[in-house]
Amino acid sequence: GKYLGLRKTDSTTPASFDRKSQILNAAIIFTMFKVILDTDTNNELDDQHAIAYMLFQPAVFHVLGITVNATHVGDGIKGHMAEALRVVELCGYKDKVPVVAGADCTDLFKNSHEKMLPAVDFIIDQVRQSEEKVYVVAIGKLTNVALALNRAPDIIGPKLKVVWLGSNWPSEAHRRGEYNLRNDWSSAVEVLAKVESHGLELQMLTVYPAPDNKQAVTGTCAVTLDVAEVQQKVAGLGPQLSQPIEGRNDSGQFSCFGDYSVSLFRNRKYKGQPVVTCPLHDVCALAVMKDPTWSQVSVIPTPMLVAVENSKMMEWDAEAQYPGGTKNTITVCHSFNAEAIVGDMISAMQACTAKSSKV
């Protein structure tokens, strides 16, 4: 639904962003976003926090469902489904939000056209049935989304927007491809092609752009939270379950998402070593929907991914043209307001805790 109101500027918002927020929010119509979140939940820890951020704000996000895909870390689709269901339960939404299995690790757009994946059908059905715009927020590889668009191009139009946390635009070379992107290059190629052929509305968030990129953009990698701050501000937050449930990887039992969040941060490792500070990439995809001033946006002609010679990776080619000439555009979010996004996530968890009782 829609309602009139003023959006409160977060107290942590830097002055440069605060002025933009005041102008944008002077007289704004709030919109509840109808969302399908497409996630590879059992990977690091940002997917889990994106799910919590979304579920803890029912006045902002009308969650149609969560579709799951498996990237090459996380014990396949079984492991990713288990983690998604675990987080949904810890947020107090067990059996209240559909969680639907989709593409497994080896399921790529180019080899899965004939597979009947429930997540793909779910996306198609929800968009077709909706009278309002549906935001498919993809925070993993794009396989489920690409298969849905290919199978049912009729869903492309005013009732659909795809928001994708993926790519290291404007270049992939320095990291040999962003994680979500390199888990299925072919699905990204298909989604971009649908922008040109069918006018798909696509918003992309850049993750780890090269530090010396000519556009001087920064990515979601700059939106971080450290273990000490999580322990201080997040522990104990969220609805309290009447019966605790098991965390992943024998990490213990948990009765609320806040305590599970602390565990995820404490157990996060990179190359076998504990990590003190972790990025919250996936939270950004939802945060910039809620408040577009929390990132800068570039509108660019639909970019093309081209194969790199003698390599399995692909690269953005700003000069390449689609058949008939590139005629459409996408939006790219970058240079994020880390303080505002992290502060809003914690505020959402605190507000939900204040309203909740045992579930």
Protein backbone atom coordinates (compact mmCIF):
# COMPACT_ATOMS: atom_id res chain seq x y z
CA GLY A 1 0.00 0.00 0.00
CA LYS A 2 0.95 3.65 -0.26
CA TYR A 3 0.83 6.39 2.31
CA LEU A 4 1.97 9.97 2.70
CA GLY A 5 4.68 10.83 5.16
CA LEU A 6 8.14 12.12 5.88
CA ARG A 7 11.08 9.78 6.08
CA LYS A 8 13.22 10.45 9.11
CA THR A 9 16.87 11.07 8.28
CA ASP A 10 19.13 8.69 10.18
CA SER A 11 21.26 10.42 12.78
CA THR A 12 24.34 8.67 11.41
CA THR A 13 23.87 10.10 7.92
CA PRO A 14 26.88 12.23 6.87
CA ALA A 15 26.11 15.83 5.94
CA SER A 16 26.77 15.26 2.22
CA PHE A 17 24.06 12.59 2.12
CA ASP A 18 21.82 14.37 4.65
CA ARG A 19 21.18 17.32 2.34
CA LYS A 20 20.12 15.01 -0.47
CA SER A 21 17.84 13.13 1.90
CA GLN A 22 16.17 16.33 3.07
CA ILE A 23 15.45 17.38 -0.51
CA LEU A 24 14.17 13.96 -1.58
CA ASN A 25 12.14 13.36 1.57
CA ALA A 26 10.53 16.78 1.93
CA ALA A 27 7.24 15.43 0.59
CA ILE A 28 7.54 11.78 -0.43
CA ILE A 29 5.01 9.03 -1.01
CA PHE A 30 6.14 5.87 0.75
CA THR A 31 5.66 2.61 -1.11
CA MET A 32 5.56 -0.88 0.29
CA PHE A 33 7.78 -2.89 -2.03
CA LYS A 34 6.49 -6.29 -3.13
CA VAL A 35 9.66 -8.38 -2.99
CA ILE A 36 10.89 -11.80 -4.03
CA LEU A 37 14.37 -12.26 -2.56
CA ASP A 38 16.54 -14.66 -4.57
CA THR A 39 19.41 -15.78 -2.35
CA ASP A 40 22.34 -18.17 -1.92
CA THR A 41 21.95 -18.02 1.85
CA ASN A 42 24.53 -20.55 3.03
CA ASN A 43 27.55 -18.71 1.76
CA GLU A 44 29.06 -16.02 3.99
CA LEU A 45 26.83 -14.00 6.34
CA ASP A 46 25.39 -11.10 4.36
CA ASP A 47 22.48 -13.06 2.85
CA GLN A 48 21.27 -13.93 6.35
CA HIS A 49 21.32 -10.28 7.37
CA ALA A 50 19.52 -9.25 4.19
CA ILE A 51 16.71 -11.69 5.00
CA ALA A 52 16.46 -10.35 8.54
CA TYR A 53 16.58 -6.72 7.38
CA MET A 54 13.71 -7.43 5.00
CA LEU A 55 11.53 -9.47 7.38
CA PHE A 56 11.98 -7.04 10.27
CA GLN A 57 10.43 -4.22 8.20
CA PRO A 58 6.95 -5.38 7.13
CA ALA A 59 5.82 -1.77 6.65
CA VAL A 60 8.48 -1.37 3.93
CA PHE A 61 8.81 -4.81 2.35
CA HIS A 62 5.83 -6.99 1.46
CA VAL A 63 7.64 -10.31 1.11
CA LEU A 64 6.04 -12.54 -1.50
CA GLY A 65 8.62 -15.23 -0.95
CA ILE A 66 12.26 -16.24 -0.85
CA THR A 67 13.71 -18.22 -3.74
CA VAL A 68 16.99 -20.04 -3.20
CA ASN A 69 19.90 -20.83 -5.48
CA ALA A 70 23.18 -22.57 -4.70
CA THR A 71 26.56 -21.14 -5.56
CA HIS A 72 29.68 -23.28 -5.29
CA VAL A 73 30.14 -22.64 -1.55
CA GLY A 74 27.50 -23.83 0.91
CA ASP A 75 26.75 -27.55 0.50
CA GLY A 76 24.50 -27.37 -2.54
CA ILE A 77 20.85 -26.43 -2.72
CA LYS A 78 20.14 -28.54 0.38
CA GLY A 79 22.55 -26.48 2.47
CA HIS A 80 21.31 -23.16 1.12
CA MET A 81 17.67 -24.09 1.70
CA ALA A 82 18.41 -25.21 5.25
CA GLU A 83 20.11 -21.90 6.08
CA ALA A 84 17.32 -19.83 4.52
CA LEU A 85 14.69 -21.72 6.50
CA ARG A 86 16.77 -21.36 9.67
CA VAL A 87 17.03 -17.58 9.32
CA VAL A 88 13.35 -17.21 8.49
CA GLU A 89 12.47 -19.14 11.65
CA LEU A 90 14.86 -17.09 13.79
CA CYS A 91 13.15 -13.95 12.48
CA GLY A 92 9.76 -15.27 13.61
CA TYR A 93 8.40 -16.06 10.15
CA LYS A 94 8.38 -19.86 10.08
CA ASP A 95 5.60 -21.07 7.74
CA LYS A 96 4.61 -17.45 7.06
CA VAL A 97 6.86 -16.80 4.06
CA PRO A 98 7.35 -19.28 1.18
CA VAL A 99 10.94 -20.49 0.82
CA VAL A 100 11.33 -22.14 -2.58
CA ALA A 101 14.22 -24.19 -3.97
CA GLY A 102 15.79 -23.30 -7.28
CA ALA A 103 19.05 -23.76 -9.18
CA ASP A 104 21.73 -25.99 -7.65
CA CYS A 105 25.49 -25.39 -7.98
CA THR A 106 25.77 -27.06 -11.38
CA ASP A 107 22.52 -25.59 -12.71
CA LEU A 108 23.45 -22.77 -15.04
CA PHE A 109 21.26 -20.81 -17.42
CA LYS A 110 22.95 -22.37 -20.43
CA ASN A 111 22.32 -25.97 -19.31
CA SER A 112 19.04 -25.83 -17.37
CA HIS A 113 16.34 -24.77 -19.83
CA GLU A 114 14.49 -28.05 -19.53
CA LYS A 115 14.65 -28.35 -15.73
CA MET A 116 11.50 -27.76 -13.73
CA LEU A 117 12.77 -25.64 -10.87
CA PRO A 118 10.08 -24.56 -8.36
CA ALA A 119 11.76 -21.19 -7.77
CA VAL A 120 11.53 -20.31 -11.46
CA ASP A 121 7.81 -21.14 -11.56
CA PHE A 122 7.30 -19.17 -8.33
CA ILE A 123 8.85 -16.02 -9.81
CA ILE A 124 6.76 -16.30 -12.97
CA ASP A 125 3.51 -16.95 -11.09
CA GLN A 126 3.99 -14.13 -8.61
CA VAL A 127 4.69 -11.52 -11.27
CA ARG A 128 1.79 -12.67 -13.44
CA GLN A 129 -0.63 -12.60 -10.50
CA SER A 130 0.42 -9.23 -9.12
CA GLU A 131 -1.41 -6.01 -9.88
CA GLU A 132 1.54 -3.99 -8.59
CA LYS A 133 5.23 -3.93 -9.42
CA VAL A 134 7.23 -6.90 -8.12
CA TYR A 135 10.88 -6.37 -7.22
CA VAL A 136 12.95 -9.50 -7.75
CA VAL A 137 15.99 -8.78 -5.58
CA ALA A 138 18.73 -11.19 -6.59
CA ILE A 139 21.65 -11.45 -4.15
CA GLY A 140 23.24 -14.59 -5.60
CA LYS A 141 23.83 -15.87 -9.11
CA LEU A 142 21.12 -14.90 -11.62
CA THR A 143 20.17 -18.41 -12.78
CA ASN A 144 16.64 -18.51 -11.34
CA VAL A 145 15.91 -15.03 -12.68
CA ALA A 146 17.34 -15.66 -16.15
CA LEU A 147 15.40 -18.91 -16.53
CA ALA A 148 12.17 -17.17 -15.48
CA LEU A 149 12.69 -14.35 -17.99
CA ASN A 150 13.57 -16.80 -20.77
CA ARG A 151 10.63 -19.09 -20.07
CA ALA A 152 8.08 -16.30 -19.61
CA PRO A 153 9.16 -13.08 -21.31
CA ASP A 154 5.58 -11.83 -20.88
CA ILE A 155 6.40 -10.98 -17.25
CA ILE A 156 8.80 -8.26 -18.44
CA GLY A 157 7.14 -4.89 -18.31
CA PRO A 158 5.89 -2.29 -15.83
CA LYS A 159 5.13 -4.95 -13.20
CA LEU A 160 8.73 -6.18 -12.85
CA LYS A 161 12.03 -4.72 -11.73
CA VAL A 162 15.15 -6.82 -11.18
CA VAL A 163 17.64 -5.58 -8.59
CA TRP A 164 20.92 -7.50 -8.66
CA LEU A 165 23.77 -7.45 -6.17
CA GLY A 166 26.48 -8.58 -8.56
CA SER A 167 29.45 -7.57 -10.72
CA ASN A 168 32.52 -5.49 -10.07
CA TRP A 169 31.50 -2.94 -12.68
CA PRO A 170 33.22 -1.26 -14.42
CA SER A 171 35.81 -4.08 -14.59
CA GLU A 172 36.05 -7.72 -13.54
CA ALA A 173 39.71 -8.30 -14.34
CA HIS A 174 41.26 -7.45 -10.97
CA ARG A 175 39.31 -10.20 -9.14
CA ARG A 176 38.66 -12.53 -12.09
CA GLY A 177 34.96 -11.90 -11.81
CA GLU A 178 32.67 -11.01 -8.93
CA TYR A 179 31.46 -14.09 -7.01
CA ASN A 180 27.77 -14.01 -7.98
CA LEU A 181 28.64 -13.23 -11.57
CA ARG A 182 31.26 -15.93 -12.06
CA ASN A 183 28.93 -18.57 -10.60
CA ASP A 184 26.86 -18.25 -13.77
CA TRP A 185 28.16 -15.90 -16.44
CA SER A 186 25.52 -17.13 -18.87
CA SER A 187 22.62 -16.00 -16.68
CA ALA A 188 23.97 -12.44 -16.50
CA VAL A 189 24.36 -12.37 -20.28
CA GLU A 190 20.72 -13.46 -20.64
CA VAL A 191 19.37 -10.89 -18.19
CA LEU A 192 21.29 -8.07 -19.89
CA ALA A 193 20.03 -9.25 -23.26
CA LYS A 194 16.46 -9.00 -21.97
CA VAL A 195 17.08 -5.34 -21.12
CA GLU A 196 17.78 -4.72 -24.78
CA SER A 197 15.26 -7.08 -26.40
CA HIS A 198 12.31 -6.58 -24.02
CA GLY A 199 13.03 -3.43 -22.03
CA LEU A 200 13.63 -5.19 -18.70
CA GLU A 201 14.12 -2.72 -15.85
CA LEU A 202 17.43 -3.64 -14.21
CA GLN A 203 19.32 -2.10 -11.31
CA MET A 204 22.78 -3.46 -10.52
CA LEU A 205 24.93 -2.93 -7.43
CA THR A 206 28.68 -3.10 -7.83
CA VAL A 207 30.57 -5.10 -5.22
CA TYR A 208 34.38 -4.90 -5.49
CA PRO A 209 35.25 -2.36 -8.21
CA ALA A 210 38.97 -1.93 -8.83
CA PRO A 211 40.40 0.66 -6.40
CA ASP A 212 41.88 2.67 -9.29
CA ASN A 213 38.83 2.56 -11.59
CA LYS A 214 38.45 5.64 -13.81
CA GLN A 215 34.88 6.21 -12.62
CA ALA A 216 36.14 6.51 -9.01
CA VAL A 217 33.28 4.36 -7.72
CA THR A 218 33.31 2.26 -4.56
CA GLY A 219 31.22 -0.85 -3.96
CA THR A 220 29.20 -2.64 -1.31
CA CYS A 221 32.51 -3.94 0.06
CA ALA A 222 32.75 -0.62 1.92
CA VAL A 223 29.56 -1.32 3.91
CA THR A 224 30.98 -3.27 6.83
CA LEU A 225 30.37 -4.26 10.43
CA ASP A 226 32.92 -5.63 12.87
CA VAL A 227 32.60 -8.40 15.42
CA ALA A 228 32.88 -6.13 18.45
CA GLU A 229 30.06 -3.86 17.24
CA VAL A 230 27.83 -6.85 16.51
CA GLN A 231 28.39 -8.21 20.00
CA GLN A 232 27.64 -4.80 21.52
CA LYS A 233 24.62 -3.75 19.45
CA VAL A 234 23.01 -6.86 17.94
CA ALA A 235 23.21 -9.65 20.54
CA GLY A 236 19.76 -10.62 21.81
CA LEU A 237 17.81 -8.71 19.16
CA GLY A 238 14.82 -10.10 17.30
CA PRO A 239 11.78 -12.13 18.33
CA GLN A 240 12.56 -14.77 20.95
CA LEU A 241 11.72 -18.35 19.98
CA SER A 242 10.05 -20.48 22.62
CA GLN A 243 12.31 -23.37 21.55
CA PRO A 244 15.91 -22.72 20.38
CA ILE A 245 17.05 -24.16 17.06
CA GLU A 246 20.40 -25.43 15.82
CA GLY A 247 22.72 -23.09 13.96
CA ARG A 248 24.78 -24.12 10.98
CA ASN A 249 28.05 -26.02 11.22
CA ASP A 250 27.48 -27.13 14.83
CA SER A 251 27.65 -23.51 16.01
CA GLY A 252 25.18 -24.08 18.87
CA GLN A 253 21.52 -23.37 19.58
CA PHE A 254 19.85 -20.00 19.12
CA SER A 255 16.58 -18.40 20.17
CA CYS A 256 16.83 -15.13 18.22
CA PHE A 257 18.47 -13.80 15.10
CA GLY A 258 20.64 -11.31 17.02
CA ASP A 259 22.50 -14.10 18.80
CA TYR A 260 22.84 -16.04 15.56
CA SER A 261 24.26 -12.91 13.93
CA VAL A 262 26.96 -12.73 16.60
CA SER A 263 27.81 -16.39 15.94
CA LEU A 264 28.02 -15.83 12.18
CA PHE A 265 30.47 -12.96 12.68
CA ARG A 266 32.56 -14.82 15.27
CA ASN A 267 32.88 -17.87 13.03
CA ARG A 268 33.57 -16.04 9.77
CA LYS A 269 36.95 -17.01 8.35
CA TYR A 270 38.88 -16.19 5.21
CA LYS A 271 41.56 -18.63 4.09
CA GLY A 272 41.33 -20.28 7.50
CA GLN A 273 41.88 -17.10 9.49
CA PRO A 274 39.25 -15.27 11.63
CA VAL A 275 37.87 -12.11 10.08
CA VAL A 276 37.34 -9.05 12.27
CA THR A 277 35.30 -6.94 9.83
CA CYS A 278 32.74 -8.30 7.36
CA PRO A 279 30.94 -6.59 4.46
CA LEU A 280 27.13 -6.58 4.36
CA HIS A 281 26.87 -6.60 0.57
CA ASP A 282 23.39 -8.07 0.27
CA VAL A 283 21.74 -5.74 2.78
CA CYS A 284 22.61 -2.87 0.43
CA ALA A 285 20.32 -4.20 -2.32
CA LEU A 286 17.28 -3.72 -0.08
CA ALA A 287 18.54 -0.60 1.69
CA VAL A 288 18.88 1.45 -1.49
CA MET A 289 15.33 0.52 -2.42
CA LYS A 290 14.13 1.87 0.90
CA ASP A 291 16.20 5.05 0.58
CA PRO A 292 17.75 5.73 -2.84
CA THR A 293 19.93 8.48 -1.37
CA TRP A 294 22.05 5.84 0.35
CA SER A 295 24.00 5.28 -2.86
CA GLN A 296 25.04 7.17 -5.93
CA VAL A 297 23.54 6.02 -9.21
CA SER A 298 24.93 5.95 -12.73
CA VAL A 299 22.60 5.43 -15.67
CA ILE A 300 24.57 3.68 -18.40
CA PRO A 301 23.79 2.12 -21.79
CA THR A 302 23.13 -1.58 -21.36
CA PRO A 303 26.64 -3.00 -20.94
CA MET A 304 27.77 -6.18 -22.61
CA LEU A 305 29.80 -9.03 -21.14
CA VAL A 306 32.28 -10.47 -23.64
CA ALA A 307 34.48 -13.53 -23.38
CA VAL A 308 38.11 -13.01 -22.43
CA GLU A 309 40.49 -14.83 -24.75
CA ASN A 310 42.12 -17.94 -23.25
CA SER A 311 40.07 -17.59 -20.08
CA LYS A 312 36.82 -18.81 -18.55
CA MET A 313 35.90 -15.32 -17.40
CA MET A 314 34.14 -12.45 -19.14
CA GLU A 315 34.64 -8.70 -19.03
CA TRP A 316 32.52 -5.58 -19.44
CA ASP A 317 32.93 -3.99 -22.87
CA ALA A 318 31.68 -0.40 -22.95
CA GLU A 319 32.15 -0.21 -26.72
CA ALA A 320 30.32 -3.40 -27.71
CA GLN A 321 26.88 -2.97 -29.28
CA TYR A 322 23.84 -5.19 -29.16
CA PRO A 323 22.28 -6.20 -32.51
CA GLY A 324 20.70 -3.12 -34.04
CA GLY A 325 22.61 -0.85 -31.68
CA THR A 326 22.33 -0.50 -27.91
CA LYS A 327 19.15 1.45 -27.17
CA ASN A 328 18.32 0.88 -23.50
CA THR A 329 19.95 1.63 -20.16
CA ILE A 330 20.44 0.14 -16.71
CA THR A 331 21.12 1.84 -13.39
CA VAL A 332 24.25 1.02 -11.42
CA CYS A 333 24.37 1.77 -7.67
CA HIS A 334 27.76 2.52 -6.16
CA SER A 335 29.51 4.66 -3.53
CA PHE A 336 27.23 3.62 -0.68
CA ASN A 337 26.46 5.45 2.56
CA ALA A 338 27.80 2.77 4.87
CA GLU A 339 26.92 4.52 8.13
CA ALA A 340 23.30 5.02 7.16
CA ILE A 341 22.81 1.47 5.85
CA VAL A 342 24.43 -0.27 8.83
CA GLY A 343 22.65 2.06 11.24
CA ASP A 344 19.30 1.36 9.61
CA MET A 345 19.81 -2.40 9.77
CA ILE A 346 20.54 -2.25 13.49
CA SER A 347 17.63 0.15 14.07
CA ALA A 348 15.27 -2.24 12.24
CA MET A 349 16.38 -5.10 14.49
CA GLN A 350 15.96 -2.97 17.62
CA ALA A 351 12.49 -1.79 16.57
CA CYS A 352 11.35 -5.34 15.81
CA THR A 353 12.62 -6.51 19.19
CA ALA A 354 10.66 -3.80 21.00
CA LYS A 355 7.42 -4.91 19.31
CA SER A 356 7.89 -8.68 19.52
CA SER A 357 6.95 -11.38 21.98
CA LYS A 358 7.89 -15.06 22.07
CA VAL A 359 7.02 -17.04 18.94
